[in-house]
Amino acid sequence: MYQNKITLTPQEILEKDFKIDTRGYRLKEVDQFLDVIIGDYEQFFTIIDSLEKEKAELLREIMSLKQDLRNAKMDVEIVRKNTDTAEVSNLDILRRLSQLEKEVYGKED
């Protein structure tokens, strides 16, 4: 994904040989090579920074989704408890009404 933005591989850096002049390595060649390395490092830092920002945004989204999930679970529990209570209450009322009808109509027969 980011490999086309990076010029040198670690192996290329390791294997780089500079031509030796009478006074040592050719400064222009070394400077050009170091400029490429610096460019790569700047690119690395840019990539790392963008990935860190993306990671932070994804973590915020995950936290938000987890909170939404917790809230949804709580809402479901509340609805479930209210539904169970209402059904029990309605069932209880129907039983009482049935017993009352039996007593009222049973005594009249």
PDB file of N, CA and C in Angstrom:
ATOM      1  N   MET A   1       0.825  -1.184   0.000  1.00  0.00           N
ATOM      2  CA  MET A   1       0.000   0.000   0.000  1.00  0.00           C
ATOM      3  C   MET A   1       0.869   1.248   0.000  1.00  0.00           C
ATOM      4  N   TYR A   2       1.852   1.318   0.865  1.00  0.00           N
ATOM      5  CA  TYR A   2       2.746   2.472   0.921  1.00  0.00           C
ATOM      6  C   TYR A   2       4.107   2.172   0.307  1.00  0.00           C
ATOM      7  N   GLN A   3       4.297   0.962  -0.197  1.00  0.00           N
ATOM      8  CA  GLN A   3       5.615   0.569  -0.682  1.00  0.00           C
ATOM      9  C   GLN A   3       6.061   1.366  -1.897  1.00  0.00           C
ATOM     10  N   ASN A   4       5.151   1.864  -2.690  1.00  0.00           N
ATOM     11  CA  ASN A   4       5.565   2.632  -3.863  1.00  0.00           C
ATOM     12  C   ASN A   4       6.051   4.032  -3.489  1.00  0.00           C
ATOM     13  N   LYS A   5       5.821   4.468  -2.249  1.00  0.00           N
ATOM     14  CA  LYS A   5       6.285   5.773  -1.799  1.00  0.00           C
ATOM     15  C   LYS A   5       7.669   5.703  -1.162  1.00  0.00           C
ATOM     16  N   ILE A   6       8.127   4.522  -0.818  1.00  0.00           N
ATOM     17  CA  ILE A   6       9.420   4.331  -0.166  1.00  0.00           C
ATOM     18  C   ILE A   6      10.429   3.900  -1.225  1.00  0.00           C
ATOM     19  N   THR A   7      11.533   4.633  -1.308  1.00  0.00           N
ATOM     20  CA  THR A   7      12.521   4.387  -2.355  1.00  0.00           C
ATOM     21  C   THR A   7      13.460   3.243  -2.010  1.00  0.00           C
ATOM     22  N   LEU A   8      13.962   3.215  -0.802  1.00  0.00           N
ATOM     23  CA  LEU A   8      14.994   2.239  -0.422  1.00  0.00           C
ATOM     24  C   LEU A   8      14.445   1.181   0.513  1.00  0.00           C
ATOM     25  N   THR A   9      14.982  -0.008   0.340  1.00  0.00           N
ATOM     26  CA  THR A   9      14.697  -1.083   1.284  1.00  0.00           C
ATOM     27  C   THR A   9      15.845  -1.140   2.287  1.00  0.00           C
ATOM     28  N   PRO A  10      15.629  -1.733   3.441  1.00  0.00           N
ATOM     29  CA  PRO A  10      16.729  -1.864   4.390  1.00  0.00           C
ATOM     30  C   PRO A  10      17.940  -2.591   3.794  1.00  0.00           C
ATOM     31  N   GLN A  11      17.670  -3.568   2.934  1.00  0.00           N
ATOM     32  CA  GLN A  11      18.770  -4.320   2.305  1.00  0.00           C
ATOM     33  C   GLN A  11      19.583  -3.419   1.382  1.00  0.00           C
ATOM     34  N   GLU A  12      18.914  -2.532   0.640  1.00  0.00           N
ATOM     35  CA  GLU A  12      19.625  -1.610  -0.244  1.00  0.00           C
ATOM     36  C   GLU A  12      20.505  -0.647   0.558  1.00  0.00           C
ATOM     37  N   ILE A  13      20.024  -0.194   1.662  1.00  0.00           N
ATOM     38  CA  ILE A  13      20.828   0.693   2.509  1.00  0.00           C
ATOM     39  C   ILE A  13      22.052  -0.054   3.026  1.00  0.00           C
ATOM     40  N   LEU A  14      21.829  -1.289   3.459  1.00  0.00           N
ATOM     41  CA  LEU A  14      22.915  -2.093   4.001  1.00  0.00           C
ATOM     42  C   LEU A  14      23.985  -2.376   2.945  1.00  0.00           C
ATOM     43  N   GLU A  15      23.556  -2.662   1.740  1.00  0.00           N
ATOM     44  CA  GLU A  15      24.493  -3.058   0.690  1.00  0.00           C
ATOM     45  C   GLU A  15      25.065  -1.891  -0.110  1.00  0.00           C
ATOM     46  N   LYS A  16      24.703  -0.670   0.215  1.00  0.00           N
ATOM     47  CA  LYS A  16      25.185   0.488  -0.556  1.00  0.00           C
ATOM     48  C   LYS A  16      26.696   0.649  -0.397  1.00  0.00           C
ATOM     49  N   ASP A  17      27.379   0.710  -1.538  1.00  0.00           N
ATOM     50  CA  ASP A  17      28.825   0.957  -1.553  1.00  0.00           C
ATOM     51  C   ASP A  17      29.077   2.290  -2.233  1.00  0.00           C
ATOM     52  N   PHE A  18      29.870   3.120  -1.605  1.00  0.00           N
ATOM     53  CA  PHE A  18      30.243   4.404  -2.192  1.00  0.00           C
ATOM     54  C   PHE A  18      31.612   4.261  -2.843  1.00  0.00           C
ATOM     55  N   LYS A  19      31.782   4.977  -3.949  1.00  0.00           N
ATOM     56  CA  LYS A  19      33.087   4.969  -4.617  1.00  0.00           C
ATOM     57  C   LYS A  19      34.053   5.816  -3.799  1.00  0.00           C
ATOM     58  N   ILE A  20      35.250   5.356  -3.746  1.00  0.00           N
ATOM     59  CA  ILE A  20      36.260   6.037  -2.941  1.00  0.00           C
ATOM     60  C   ILE A  20      37.080   6.951  -3.842  1.00  0.00           C
ATOM     61  N   ASP A  21      37.197   8.181  -3.394  1.00  0.00           N
ATOM     62  CA  ASP A  21      38.027   9.181  -4.066  1.00  0.00           C
ATOM     63  C   ASP A  21      39.398   9.176  -3.397  1.00  0.00           C
ATOM     64  N   THR A  22      40.218  10.079  -3.813  1.00  0.00           N
ATOM     65  CA  THR A  22      41.547  10.158  -3.197  1.00  0.00           C
ATOM     66  C   THR A  22      41.461  10.564  -1.731  1.00  0.00           C
ATOM     67  N   ARG A  23      40.435  11.327  -1.384  1.00  0.00           N
ATOM     68  CA  ARG A  23      40.296  11.768   0.014  1.00  0.00           C
ATOM     69  C   ARG A  23      39.170  11.028   0.734  1.00  0.00           C
ATOM     70  N   GLY A  24      38.664   9.969   0.215  1.00  0.00           N
ATOM     71  CA  GLY A  24      37.598   9.213   0.859  1.00  0.00           C
ATOM     72  C   GLY A  24      36.398   9.082  -0.069  1.00  0.00           C
ATOM     73  N   TYR A  25      35.239   8.914   0.514  1.00  0.00           N
ATOM     74  CA  TYR A  25      34.016   8.759  -0.273  1.00  0.00           C
ATOM     75  C   TYR A  25      33.686  10.067  -0.984  1.00  0.00           C
ATOM     76  N   ARG A  26      33.035   9.944  -2.105  1.00  0.00           N
ATOM     77  CA  ARG A  26      32.610  11.138  -2.845  1.00  0.00           C
ATOM     78  C   ARG A  26      31.452  11.787  -2.092  1.00  0.00           C
ATOM     79  N   LEU A  27      31.661  13.003  -1.649  1.00  0.00           N
ATOM     80  CA  LEU A  27      30.672  13.690  -0.823  1.00  0.00           C
ATOM     81  C   LEU A  27      29.346  13.882  -1.540  1.00  0.00           C
ATOM     82  N   LYS A  28      29.377  14.181  -2.800  1.00  0.00           N
ATOM     83  CA  LYS A  28      28.146  14.408  -3.549  1.00  0.00           C
ATOM     84  C   LYS A  28      27.304  13.130  -3.592  1.00  0.00           C
ATOM     85  N   GLU A  29      27.967  12.009  -3.810  1.00  0.00           N
ATOM     86  CA  GLU A  29      27.258  10.724  -3.860  1.00  0.00           C
ATOM     87  C   GLU A  29      26.660  10.374  -2.501  1.00  0.00           C
ATOM     88  N   VAL A  30      27.433  10.587  -1.450  1.00  0.00           N
ATOM     89  CA  VAL A  30      26.940  10.311  -0.095  1.00  0.00           C
ATOM     90  C   VAL A  30      25.777  11.239   0.231  1.00  0.00           C
ATOM     91  N   ASP A  31      25.883  12.512  -0.105  1.00  0.00           N
ATOM     92  CA  ASP A  31      24.808  13.471   0.170  1.00  0.00           C
ATOM     93  C   ASP A  31      23.534  13.109  -0.583  1.00  0.00           C
ATOM     94  N   GLN A  32      23.681  12.675  -1.836  1.00  0.00           N
ATOM     95  CA  GLN A  32      22.500  12.279  -2.602  1.00  0.00           C
ATOM     96  C   GLN A  32      21.826  11.061  -1.976  1.00  0.00           C
ATOM     97  N   PHE A  33      22.630  10.113  -1.548  1.00  0.00           N
ATOM     98  CA  PHE A  33      22.078   8.920  -0.904  1.00  0.00           C
ATOM     99  C   PHE A  33      21.378   9.277   0.401  1.00  0.00           C
ATOM    100  N   LEU A  34      22.000  10.140   1.173  1.00  0.00           N
ATOM    101  CA  LEU A  34      21.389  10.572   2.435  1.00  0.00           C
ATOM    102  C   LEU A  34      20.099  11.355   2.181  1.00  0.00           C
ATOM    103  N   ASP A  35      20.051  12.116   1.102  1.00  0.00           N
ATOM    104  CA  ASP A  35      18.817  12.833   0.759  1.00  0.00           C
ATOM    105  C   ASP A  35      17.681  11.857   0.476  1.00  0.00           C
ATOM    106  N   VAL A  36      17.980  10.759  -0.196  1.00  0.00           N
ATOM    107  CA  VAL A  36      16.966   9.738  -0.462  1.00  0.00           C
ATOM    108  C   VAL A  36      16.496   9.117   0.854  1.00  0.00           C
ATOM    109  N   ILE A  37      17.436   8.818   1.729  1.00  0.00           N
ATOM    110  CA  ILE A  37      17.086   8.237   3.036  1.00  0.00           C
ATOM    111  C   ILE A  37      16.227   9.202   3.835  1.00  0.00           C
ATOM    112  N   ILE A  38      16.604  10.468   3.829  1.00  0.00           N
ATOM    113  CA  ILE A  38      15.816  11.475   4.552  1.00  0.00           C
ATOM    114  C   ILE A  38      14.402  11.550   3.982  1.00  0.00           C
ATOM    115  N   GLY A  39      14.286  11.523   2.655  1.00  0.00           N
ATOM    116  CA  GLY A  39      12.960  11.528   2.024  1.00  0.00           C
ATOM    117  C   GLY A  39      12.126  10.337   2.454  1.00  0.00           C
ATOM    118  N   ASP A  40      12.772   9.170   2.517  1.00  0.00           N
ATOM    119  CA  ASP A  40      12.055   7.976   2.973  1.00  0.00           C
ATOM    120  C   ASP A  40      11.596   8.119   4.417  1.00  0.00           C
ATOM    121  N   TYR A  41      12.459   8.622   5.262  1.00  0.00           N
ATOM    122  CA  TYR A  41      12.082   8.786   6.661  1.00  0.00           C
ATOM    123  C   TYR A  41      10.949   9.790   6.822  1.00  0.00           C
ATOM    124  N   GLU A  42      10.984  10.865   6.043  1.00  0.00           N
ATOM    125  CA  GLU A  42       9.879  11.823   6.087  1.00  0.00           C
ATOM    126  C   GLU A  42       8.589  11.147   5.658  1.00  0.00           C
ATOM    127  N   GLN A  43       8.679  10.297   4.629  1.00  0.00           N
ATOM    128  CA  GLN A  43       7.508   9.561   4.170  1.00  0.00           C
ATOM    129  C   GLN A  43       7.025   8.592   5.247  1.00  0.00           C
ATOM    130  N   PHE A  44       7.970   7.905   5.902  1.00  0.00           N
ATOM    131  CA  PHE A  44       7.601   7.016   7.012  1.00  0.00           C
ATOM    132  C   PHE A  44       6.843   7.775   8.090  1.00  0.00           C
ATOM    133  N   PHE A  45       7.353   8.924   8.477  1.00  0.00           N
ATOM    134  CA  PHE A  45       6.701   9.696   9.524  1.00  0.00           C
ATOM    135  C   PHE A  45       5.321  10.180   9.094  1.00  0.00           C
ATOM    136  N   THR A  46       5.174  10.559   7.836  1.00  0.00           N
ATOM    137  CA  THR A  46       3.866  10.968   7.322  1.00  0.00           C
ATOM    138  C   THR A  46       2.887   9.802   7.368  1.00  0.00           C
ATOM    139  N   ILE A  47       3.356   8.647   6.933  1.00  0.00           N
ATOM    140  CA  ILE A  47       2.505   7.452   6.944  1.00  0.00           C
ATOM    141  C   ILE A  47       2.126   7.078   8.372  1.00  0.00           C
ATOM    142  N   ILE A  48       3.088   7.078   9.258  1.00  0.00           N
ATOM    143  CA  ILE A  48       2.818   6.723  10.655  1.00  0.00           C
ATOM    144  C   ILE A  48       1.826   7.695  11.268  1.00  0.00           C
ATOM    145  N   ASP A  49       2.000   8.989  10.994  1.00  0.00           N
ATOM    146  CA  ASP A  49       1.094   9.995  11.534  1.00  0.00           C
ATOM    147  C   ASP A  49      -0.330   9.783  11.023  1.00  0.00           C
ATOM    148  N   SER A  50      -0.470   9.537   9.727  1.00  0.00           N
ATOM    149  CA  SER A  50      -1.818   9.320   9.182  1.00  0.00           C
ATOM    150  C   SER A  50      -2.447   8.049   9.753  1.00  0.00           C
ATOM    151  N   LEU A  51      -1.639   7.002   9.928  1.00  0.00           N
ATOM    152  CA  LEU A  51      -2.176   5.761  10.498  1.00  0.00           C
ATOM    153  C   LEU A  51      -2.561   5.933  11.967  1.00  0.00           C
ATOM    154  N   GLU A  52      -1.775   6.723  12.691  1.00  0.00           N
ATOM    155  CA  GLU A  52      -2.126   6.997  14.098  1.00  0.00           C
ATOM    156  C   GLU A  52      -3.441   7.772  14.189  1.00  0.00           C
ATOM    157  N   LYS A  53      -3.629   8.731  13.295  1.00  0.00           N
ATOM    158  CA  LYS A  53      -4.891   9.490  13.287  1.00  0.00           C
ATOM    159  C   LYS A  53      -6.054   8.583  12.930  1.00  0.00           C
ATOM    160  N   GLU A  54      -5.848   7.726  11.939  1.00  0.00           N
ATOM    161  CA  GLU A  54      -6.901   6.784  11.551  1.00  0.00           C
ATOM    162  C   GLU A  54      -7.223   5.832  12.704  1.00  0.00           C
ATOM    163  N   LYS A  55      -6.187   5.366  13.379  1.00  0.00           N
ATOM    164  CA  LYS A  55      -6.380   4.461  14.523  1.00  0.00           C
ATOM    165  C   LYS A  55      -7.170   5.150  15.632  1.00  0.00           C
ATOM    166  N   ALA A  56      -6.817   6.404  15.928  1.00  0.00           N
ATOM    167  CA  ALA A  56      -7.526   7.147  16.971  1.00  0.00           C
ATOM    168  C   ALA A  56      -8.997   7.331  16.593  1.00  0.00           C
ATOM    169  N   GLU A  57      -9.253   7.645  15.343  1.00  0.00           N
ATOM    170  CA  GLU A  57     -10.637   7.815  14.884  1.00  0.00           C
ATOM    171  C   GLU A  57     -11.407   6.503  14.979  1.00  0.00           C
ATOM    172  N   LEU A  58     -10.773   5.407  14.597  1.00  0.00           N
ATOM    173  CA  LEU A  58     -11.428   4.104  14.692  1.00  0.00           C
ATOM    174  C   LEU A  58     -11.686   3.705  16.144  1.00  0.00           C
ATOM    175  N   LEU A  59     -10.753   4.022  17.023  1.00  0.00           N
ATOM    176  CA  LEU A  59     -10.967   3.729  18.445  1.00  0.00           C
ATOM    177  C   LEU A  59     -12.132   4.540  18.995  1.00  0.00           C
ATOM    178  N   ARG A  60     -12.224   5.826  18.589  1.00  0.00           N
ATOM    179  CA  ARG A  60     -13.371   6.646  19.026  1.00  0.00           C
ATOM    180  C   ARG A  60     -14.681   6.049  18.508  1.00  0.00           C
ATOM    181  N   GLU A  61     -14.657   5.594  17.261  1.00  0.00           N
ATOM    182  CA  GLU A  61     -15.858   4.989  16.688  1.00  0.00           C
ATOM    183  C   GLU A  61     -16.221   3.699  17.414  1.00  0.00           C
ATOM    184  N   ILE A  62     -15.216   2.900  17.743  1.00  0.00           N
ATOM    185  CA  ILE A  62     -15.462   1.659  18.483  1.00  0.00           C
ATOM    186  C   ILE A  62     -16.081   1.957  19.841  1.00  0.00           C
ATOM    187  N   MET A  63     -15.524   2.957  20.534  1.00  0.00           N
ATOM    188  CA  MET A  63     -16.052   3.312  21.851  1.00  0.00           C
ATOM    189  C   MET A  63     -17.499   3.797  21.740  1.00  0.00           C
ATOM    190  N   SER A  64     -17.764   4.583  20.723  1.00  0.00           N
ATOM    191  CA  SER A  64     -19.120   5.078  20.505  1.00  0.00           C
ATOM    192  C   SER A  64     -20.081   3.924  20.213  1.00  0.00           C
ATOM    193  N   LEU A  65     -19.647   2.995  19.373  1.00  0.00           N
ATOM    194  CA  LEU A  65     -20.489   1.846  19.051  1.00  0.00           C
ATOM    195  C   LEU A  65     -20.700   0.937  20.260  1.00  0.00           C
ATOM    196  N   LYS A  66     -19.668   0.791  21.077  1.00  0.00           N
ATOM    197  CA  LYS A  66     -19.821  -0.009  22.300  1.00  0.00           C
ATOM    198  C   LYS A  66     -20.827   0.645  23.235  1.00  0.00           C
ATOM    199  N   GLN A  67     -20.756   1.972  23.360  1.00  0.00           N
ATOM    200  CA  GLN A  67     -21.707   2.685  24.215  1.00  0.00           C
ATOM    201  C   GLN A  67     -23.122   2.553  23.658  1.00  0.00           C
ATOM    202  N   ASP A  68     -23.270   2.660  22.340  1.00  0.00           N
ATOM    203  CA  ASP A  68     -24.583   2.471  21.719  1.00  0.00           C
ATOM    204  C   ASP A  68     -25.109   1.065  21.982  1.00  0.00           C
ATOM    205  N   LEU A  69     -24.215   0.074  21.901  1.00  0.00           N
ATOM    206  CA  LEU A  69     -24.619  -1.308  22.158  1.00  0.00           C
ATOM    207  C   LEU A  69     -25.063  -1.485  23.607  1.00  0.00           C
ATOM    208  N   ARG A  70     -24.289  -0.904  24.547  1.00  0.00           N
ATOM    209  CA  ARG A  70     -24.680  -0.982  25.966  1.00  0.00           C
ATOM    210  C   ARG A  70     -26.047  -0.339  26.184  1.00  0.00           C
ATOM    211  N   ASN A  71     -26.254   0.835  25.578  1.00  0.00           N
ATOM    212  CA  ASN A  71     -27.536   1.519  25.728  1.00  0.00           C
ATOM    213  C   ASN A  71     -28.669   0.699  25.135  1.00  0.00           C
ATOM    214  N   ALA A  72     -28.428   0.084  23.979  1.00  0.00           N
ATOM    215  CA  ALA A  72     -29.454  -0.738  23.346  1.00  0.00           C
ATOM    216  C   ALA A  72     -29.786  -1.962  24.208  1.00  0.00           C
ATOM    217  N   LYS A  73     -28.741  -2.576  24.779  1.00  0.00           N
ATOM    218  CA  LYS A  73     -28.987  -3.730  25.661  1.00  0.00           C
ATOM    219  C   LYS A  73     -29.799  -3.320  26.881  1.00  0.00           C
ATOM    220  N   MET A  74     -29.478  -2.156  27.444  1.00  0.00           N
ATOM    221  CA  MET A  74     -30.236  -1.671  28.598  1.00  0.00           C
ATOM    222  C   MET A  74     -31.685  -1.399  28.216  1.00  0.00           C
ATOM    223  N   ASP A  75     -31.905  -0.803  27.044  1.00  0.00           N
ATOM    224  CA  ASP A  75     -33.262  -0.539  26.575  1.00  0.00           C
ATOM    225  C   ASP A  75     -34.028  -1.836  26.383  1.00  0.00           C
ATOM    226  N   VAL A  76     -33.374  -2.844  25.825  1.00  0.00           N
ATOM    227  CA  VAL A  76     -34.021  -4.139  25.624  1.00  0.00           C
ATOM    228  C   VAL A  76     -34.392  -4.762  26.969  1.00  0.00           C
ATOM    229  N   GLU A  77     -33.488  -4.673  27.938  1.00  0.00           N
ATOM    230  CA  GLU A  77     -33.778  -5.221  29.266  1.00  0.00           C
ATOM    231  C   GLU A  77     -34.956  -4.502  29.917  1.00  0.00           C
ATOM    232  N   ILE A  78     -34.980  -3.195  29.779  1.00  0.00           N
ATOM    233  CA  ILE A  78     -36.082  -2.424  30.362  1.00  0.00           C
ATOM    234  C   ILE A  78     -37.404  -2.812  29.713  1.00  0.00           C
ATOM    235  N   VAL A  79     -37.400  -2.910  28.382  1.00  0.00           N
ATOM    236  CA  VAL A  79     -38.624  -3.302  27.675  1.00  0.00           C
ATOM    237  C   VAL A  79     -39.019  -4.716  28.057  1.00  0.00           C
ATOM    238  N   ARG A  80     -38.033  -5.606  28.144  1.00  0.00           N
ATOM    239  CA  ARG A  80     -38.315  -6.993  28.501  1.00  0.00           C
ATOM    240  C   ARG A  80     -38.910  -7.084  29.909  1.00  0.00           C
ATOM    241  N   LYS A  81     -38.345  -6.338  30.850  1.00  0.00           N
ATOM    242  CA  LYS A  81     -38.865  -6.357  32.222  1.00  0.00           C
ATOM    243  C   LYS A  81     -40.264  -5.770  32.274  1.00  0.00           C
ATOM    244  N   ASN A  82     -40.474  -4.674  31.579  1.00  0.00           N
ATOM    245  CA  ASN A  82     -41.803  -4.064  31.559  1.00  0.00           C
ATOM    246  C   ASN A  82     -42.815  -4.968  30.891  1.00  0.00           C
ATOM    247  N   THR A  83     -42.428  -5.647  29.846  1.00  0.00           N
ATOM    248  CA  THR A  83     -43.325  -6.565  29.148  1.00  0.00           C
ATOM    249  C   THR A  83     -43.646  -7.760  30.035  1.00  0.00           C
ATOM    250  N   ASP A  84     -42.640  -8.324  30.677  1.00  0.00           N
ATOM    251  CA  ASP A  84     -42.868  -9.457  31.572  1.00  0.00           C
ATOM    252  C   ASP A  84     -43.771  -9.049  32.720  1.00  0.00           C
ATOM    253  N   THR A  85     -43.549  -7.898  33.302  1.00  0.00           N
ATOM    254  CA  THR A  85     -44.354  -7.412  34.424  1.00  0.00           C
ATOM    255  C   THR A  85     -45.779  -7.175  33.979  1.00  0.00           C
ATOM    256  N   ALA A  86     -45.956  -6.583  32.801  1.00  0.00           N
ATOM    257  CA  ALA A  86     -47.298  -6.319  32.290  1.00  0.00           C
ATOM    258  C   ALA A  86     -48.019  -7.623  32.010  1.00  0.00           C
ATOM    259  N   GLU A  87     -47.337  -8.607  31.454  1.00  0.00           N
ATOM    260  CA  GLU A  87     -47.975  -9.882  31.170  1.00  0.00           C
ATOM    261  C   GLU A  87     -48.358 -10.593  32.460  1.00  0.00           C
ATOM    262  N   VAL A  88     -47.498 -10.549  33.435  1.00  0.00           N
ATOM    263  CA  VAL A  88     -47.808 -11.177  34.717  1.00  0.00           C
ATOM    264  C   VAL A  88     -48.971 -10.455  35.371  1.00  0.00           C
ATOM    265  N   SER A  89     -48.939  -9.157  35.314  1.00  0.00           N
ATOM    266  CA  SER A  89     -50.024  -8.386  35.912  1.00  0.00           C
ATOM    267  C   SER A  89     -51.340  -8.665  35.194  1.00  0.00           C
ATOM    268  N   ASN A  90     -51.335  -8.678  33.883  1.00  0.00           N
ATOM    269  CA  ASN A  90     -52.552  -8.969  33.122  1.00  0.00           C
ATOM    270  C   ASN A  90     -53.032 -10.389  33.391  1.00  0.00           C
ATOM    271  N   LEU A  91     -52.104 -11.320  33.437  1.00  0.00           N
ATOM    272  CA  LEU A  91     -52.463 -12.703  33.720  1.00  0.00           C
ATOM    273  C   LEU A  91     -53.053 -12.819  35.123  1.00  0.00           C
ATOM    274  N   ASP A  92     -52.440 -12.145  36.061  1.00  0.00           N
ATOM    275  CA  ASP A  92     -52.927 -12.159  37.437  1.00  0.00           C
ATOM    276  C   ASP A  92     -54.330 -11.557  37.519  1.00  0.00           C
ATOM    277  N   ILE A  93     -54.542 -10.468  36.805  1.00  0.00           N
ATOM    278  CA  ILE A  93     -55.865  -9.818  36.802  1.00  0.00           C
ATOM    279  C   ILE A  93     -56.906 -10.751  36.189  1.00  0.00           C
ATOM    280  N   LEU A  94     -56.550 -11.417  35.092  1.00  0.00           N
ATOM    281  CA  LEU A  94     -57.493 -12.340  34.461  1.00  0.00           C
ATOM    282  C   LEU A  94     -57.844 -13.507  35.384  1.00  0.00           C
ATOM    283  N   ARG A  95     -56.883 -14.020  36.098  1.00  0.00           N
ATOM    284  CA  ARG A  95     -57.151 -15.111  37.052  1.00  0.00           C
ATOM    285  C   ARG A  95     -58.094 -14.643  38.158  1.00  0.00           C
ATOM    286  N   ARG A  96     -57.812 -13.479  38.684  1.00  0.00           N
ATOM    287  CA  ARG A  96     -58.667 -12.932  39.749  1.00  0.00           C
ATOM    288  C   ARG A  96     -60.086 -12.704  39.237  1.00  0.00           C
ATOM    289  N   LEU A  97     -60.185 -12.160  38.016  1.00  0.00           N
ATOM    290  CA  LEU A  97     -61.499 -11.921  37.424  1.00  0.00           C
ATOM    291  C   LEU A  97     -62.237 -13.243  37.220  1.00  0.00           C
ATOM    292  N   SER A  98     -61.510 -14.263  36.764  1.00  0.00           N
ATOM    293  CA  SER A  98     -62.119 -15.575  36.568  1.00  0.00           C
ATOM    294  C   SER A  98     -62.617 -16.151  37.886  1.00  0.00           C
ATOM    295  N   GLN A  99     -61.832 -16.036  38.935  1.00  0.00           N
ATOM    296  CA  GLN A  99     -62.243 -16.525  40.253  1.00  0.00           C
ATOM    297  C   GLN A  99     -63.452 -15.743  40.768  1.00  0.00           C
ATOM    298  N   LEU A 100     -63.450 -14.444  40.541  1.00  0.00           N
ATOM    299  CA  LEU A 100     -64.562 -13.614  40.971  1.00  0.00           C
ATOM    300  C   LEU A 100     -65.841 -14.004  40.224  1.00  0.00           C
ATOM    301  N   GLU A 101     -65.738 -14.230  38.918  1.00  0.00           N
ATOM    302  CA  GLU A 101     -66.892 -14.647  38.128  1.00  0.00           C
ATOM    303  C   GLU A 101     -67.434 -15.990  38.625  1.00  0.00           C
ATOM    304  N   LYS A 102     -66.508 -16.911  38.934  1.00  0.00           N
ATOM    305  CA  LYS A 102     -66.941 -18.216  39.433  1.00  0.00           C
ATOM    306  C   LYS A 102     -67.697 -18.058  40.732  1.00  0.00           C
ATOM    307  N   GLU A 103     -67.182 -17.185  41.597  1.00  0.00           N
ATOM    308  CA  GLU A 103     -67.854 -16.994  42.885  1.00  0.00           C
ATOM    309  C   GLU A 103     -69.204 -16.317  42.699  1.00  0.00           C
ATOM    310  N   VAL A 104     -69.251 -15.294  41.871  1.00  0.00           N
ATOM    311  CA  VAL A 104     -70.499 -14.552  41.682  1.00  0.00           C
ATOM    312  C   VAL A 104     -71.529 -15.423  40.955  1.00  0.00           C
ATOM    313  N   TYR A 105     -71.157 -16.001  39.825  1.00  0.00           N
ATOM    314  CA  TYR A 105     -72.093 -16.782  39.043  1.00  0.00           C
ATOM    315  C   TYR A 105     -72.315 -18.165  39.625  1.00  0.00           C
ATOM    316  N   GLY A 106     -71.320 -18.675  40.328  1.00  0.00           N
ATOM    317  CA  GLY A 106     -71.473 -20.000  40.925  1.00  0.00           C
ATOM    318  C   GLY A 106     -72.438 -20.004  42.060  1.00  0.00           C
ATOM    319  N   LYS A 107     -72.537 -18.911  42.850  1.00  0.00           N
ATOM    320  CA  LYS A 107     -73.444 -18.827  43.978  1.00  0.00           C
ATOM    321  C   LYS A 107     -74.880 -18.594  43.538  1.00  0.00           C
ATOM    322  N   GLU A 108     -75.051 -17.967  42.375  1.00  0.00           N
ATOM    323  CA  GLU A 108     -76.384 -17.662  41.880  1.00  0.00           C
ATOM    324  C   GLU A 108     -77.053 -18.897  41.296  1.00  0.00           C
ATOM    325  N   ASP A 109     -76.262 -19.879  40.821  1.00  0.00           N
ATOM    326  CA  ASP A 109     -76.848 -21.057  40.198  1.00  0.00           C
ATOM    327  C   ASP A 109     -77.531 -21.905  41.173  1.00  0.00           C
TER     328      ASP A 109
END
